Amino acid sequence: MNGSAVDPLLPRVLDRAQSARRTARRHRRWQTVGTALVAACLGVLAVLGVRAAGVGQPDWESMREVASTVPITASLAVSPDSGGTEVRMKCAYKASEGSEYSKWTYTLVVVPKSGQAQEVNTWTARPGDEMELSAHSDLKQSDIDHIEIRKGDGTPLLSLRT
């Protein structure tokens, strides 16, 4: 036999091996693309499901004025929480002439259907301020009659029936 002779089977075996590797790579790419598409679809469905269920989007309700002059506007989102009720508040403070150096203290009060009112948060604000805060009451939402924002001296300014 001649040492320079090439086995006629070897090129075919090499071609088939190379073809098998290309096919396997192509299958892996399609699997990766398919997995990414499924993950993206599941992500979109999860977001749509959360939005449809209203999770993360509190139901804000405007508080009504109960005093003659009220320097504050506010909206509340009240929801059941572990061991009680969560009260989220967004509020803005009206600016008035010469009041830019004034600072007021406010209290968020939960008034139950029976029993003592419960202070759940206290803060200070100046005219033109806007703020958000969250508070927790150990009362169940069904036991709350209404929620108030009071001045530092205890005078009710805004109220919301739950």
Protein backbone atom coordinates (compact mmCIF):
# COMPACT_ATOMS: atom_id res chain seq x y z
CA MET A 1 0.00 0.00 0.00
CA ASN A 2 1.00 3.48 -0.74
CA GLY A 3 1.42 5.76 2.32
CA SER A 4 -0.02 8.74 0.44
CA ALA A 5 -3.28 7.02 -0.29
CA VAL A 6 -6.24 8.47 1.64
CA ASP A 7 -8.99 6.27 2.88
CA PRO A 8 -12.04 7.16 0.72
CA LEU A 9 -14.30 6.75 3.77
CA LEU A 10 -12.55 9.41 5.89
CA PRO A 11 -13.82 12.52 4.01
CA ARG A 12 -17.40 11.25 4.18
CA VAL A 13 -17.13 10.53 7.91
CA LEU A 14 -15.68 14.00 8.51
CA ASP A 15 -18.44 15.65 6.42
CA ARG A 16 -21.13 13.80 8.33
CA ALA A 17 -19.58 14.74 11.69
CA GLN A 18 -19.36 18.38 10.64
CA SER A 19 -22.96 18.30 9.39
CA ALA A 20 -24.11 16.75 12.69
CA ARG A 21 -22.34 19.54 14.67
CA ARG A 22 -24.00 22.24 12.51
CA THR A 23 -27.41 20.62 13.02
CA ALA A 24 -26.86 20.39 16.80
CA ARG A 25 -25.82 24.09 16.95
CA ARG A 26 -28.87 25.10 14.93
CA HIS A 27 -31.13 23.12 17.30
CA ARG A 28 -29.50 24.78 20.36
CA ARG A 29 -30.02 28.25 18.82
CA TRP A 30 -33.70 27.52 18.14
CA GLN A 31 -34.11 26.16 21.67
CA THR A 32 -32.53 29.33 23.10
CA VAL A 33 -34.73 31.57 20.96
CA GLY A 34 -37.81 29.53 21.87
CA THR A 35 -36.99 29.68 25.59
CA ALA A 36 -36.46 33.46 25.39
CA LEU A 37 -39.80 33.92 23.60
CA VAL A 38 -41.64 31.80 26.18
CA ALA A 39 -40.01 33.77 29.03
CA ALA A 40 -40.95 37.09 27.39
CA CYS A 41 -44.56 35.95 26.90
CA LEU A 42 -44.80 34.79 30.51
CA GLY A 43 -43.41 38.15 31.66
CA VAL A 44 -46.00 40.06 29.63
CA LEU A 45 -48.81 37.83 30.94
CA ALA A 46 -47.61 38.35 34.52
CA VAL A 47 -47.61 42.14 34.11
CA LEU A 48 -51.07 42.09 32.53
CA GLY A 49 -52.35 39.81 35.28
CA VAL A 50 -51.02 42.11 38.01
CA ARG A 51 -52.57 45.14 36.34
CA ALA A 52 -55.91 43.37 35.88
CA ALA A 53 -55.90 42.33 39.53
CA GLY A 54 -55.16 45.91 40.58
CA VAL A 55 -52.08 44.88 42.55
CA GLY A 56 -49.74 47.79 43.12
CA GLN A 57 -52.31 50.35 42.00
CA PRO A 58 -53.99 51.73 45.10
CA ASP A 59 -57.51 53.13 44.91
CA TRP A 60 -56.96 56.79 45.89
CA GLU A 61 -59.90 58.71 47.37
CA SER A 62 -59.96 62.45 47.99
CA MET A 63 -60.53 63.59 51.54
CA ARG A 64 -63.25 66.19 52.16
CA GLU A 65 -62.79 69.44 54.06
CA VAL A 66 -64.40 69.63 57.50
CA ALA A 67 -63.06 73.06 58.59
CA SER A 68 -63.71 76.53 57.18
CA THR A 69 -60.15 77.17 55.97
CA VAL A 70 -58.03 74.19 55.12
CA PRO A 71 -54.41 74.69 53.99
CA ILE A 72 -54.06 71.10 52.80
CA THR A 73 -55.50 68.75 50.17
CA ALA A 74 -55.08 64.99 50.49
CA SER A 75 -55.99 61.63 49.01
CA LEU A 76 -55.89 58.32 50.84
CA ALA A 77 -55.54 54.71 49.77
CA VAL A 78 -56.77 52.37 52.51
CA SER A 79 -56.13 48.62 52.30
CA PRO A 80 -56.11 45.59 54.57
CA ASP A 81 -52.69 44.79 55.96
CA SER A 82 -51.33 42.00 58.09
CA GLY A 83 -52.70 42.65 61.55
CA GLY A 84 -54.73 45.73 60.60
CA THR A 85 -54.97 48.40 57.92
CA GLU A 86 -52.45 50.29 55.80
CA VAL A 87 -53.20 53.95 55.12
CA ARG A 88 -51.27 55.62 52.31
CA MET A 89 -51.57 59.37 51.88
CA LYS A 90 -50.62 61.92 49.22
CA CYS A 91 -51.00 65.54 50.26
CA ALA A 92 -50.18 69.06 49.13
CA TYR A 93 -50.05 72.27 51.15
CA LYS A 94 -51.48 75.48 49.77
CA ALA A 95 -49.15 78.44 49.55
CA SER A 96 -50.47 81.78 50.74
CA GLU A 97 -49.05 85.31 50.85
CA GLY A 98 -46.52 85.70 53.66
CA SER A 99 -46.77 82.06 54.78
CA GLU A 100 -43.58 80.81 53.15
CA TYR A 101 -41.84 80.66 56.54
CA SER A 102 -44.73 79.03 58.39
CA LYS A 103 -44.49 75.42 59.40
CA TRP A 104 -47.46 73.38 60.65
CA THR A 105 -47.77 70.08 62.44
CA TYR A 106 -50.39 67.59 61.26
CA THR A 107 -51.63 64.27 62.60
CA LEU A 108 -53.22 61.38 60.72
CA VAL A 109 -55.93 59.89 62.95
CA VAL A 110 -57.91 56.67 62.49
CA VAL A 111 -61.34 56.91 64.16
CA PRO A 112 -62.89 53.49 64.92
CA LYS A 113 -66.63 52.75 64.93
CA SER A 114 -66.28 52.37 68.67
CA GLY A 115 -63.47 53.25 71.03
CA GLN A 116 -60.64 55.75 71.10
CA ALA A 117 -59.24 57.53 68.05
CA GLN A 118 -55.77 56.33 67.11
CA GLU A 119 -52.95 58.63 65.95
CA VAL A 120 -51.01 56.74 63.28
CA ASN A 121 -48.63 59.42 61.98
CA THR A 122 -47.47 62.97 62.73
CA TRP A 123 -45.49 65.26 60.42
CA THR A 124 -44.67 68.90 59.71
CA ALA A 125 -45.04 70.74 56.43
CA ARG A 126 -44.64 74.19 54.93
CA PRO A 127 -46.82 75.89 52.30
CA GLY A 128 -46.02 74.54 48.83
CA ASP A 129 -44.81 71.16 50.17
CA GLU A 130 -46.05 67.90 48.66
CA MET A 131 -45.54 64.60 50.38
CA GLU A 132 -46.50 60.97 50.54
CA LEU A 133 -46.53 58.83 53.63
CA SER A 134 -47.66 55.45 54.79
CA ALA A 135 -49.05 54.49 58.18
CA HIS A 136 -50.37 51.35 59.84
CA SER A 137 -53.33 50.94 62.17
CA ASP A 138 -53.89 47.77 64.16
CA LEU A 139 -57.63 48.19 63.49
CA LYS A 140 -59.26 46.10 60.78
CA GLN A 141 -60.54 48.20 57.90
CA SER A 142 -64.11 47.08 58.69
CA ASP A 143 -63.73 48.53 62.23
CA ILE A 144 -62.72 52.00 61.00
CA ASP A 145 -65.43 54.66 60.75
CA HIS A 146 -63.32 57.39 59.20
CA ILE A 147 -59.81 58.81 58.92
CA GLU A 148 -58.90 62.43 59.66
CA ILE A 149 -56.05 64.84 59.19
CA ARG A 150 -55.88 67.16 62.17
CA LYS A 151 -53.91 70.28 62.97
CA GLY A 152 -51.37 70.08 65.76
CA ASP A 153 -54.00 71.40 68.21
CA GLY A 154 -56.33 68.50 67.36
CA THR A 155 -58.73 70.44 65.08
CA PRO A 156 -59.99 68.18 62.24
CA LEU A 157 -59.23 69.58 58.75
CA LEU A 158 -59.98 66.71 56.34
CA SER A 159 -61.93 63.50 56.66
CA LEU A 160 -62.60 60.32 54.69
CA ARG A 161 -65.21 57.70 55.55
CA THR A 162 -63.99 54.16 54.90
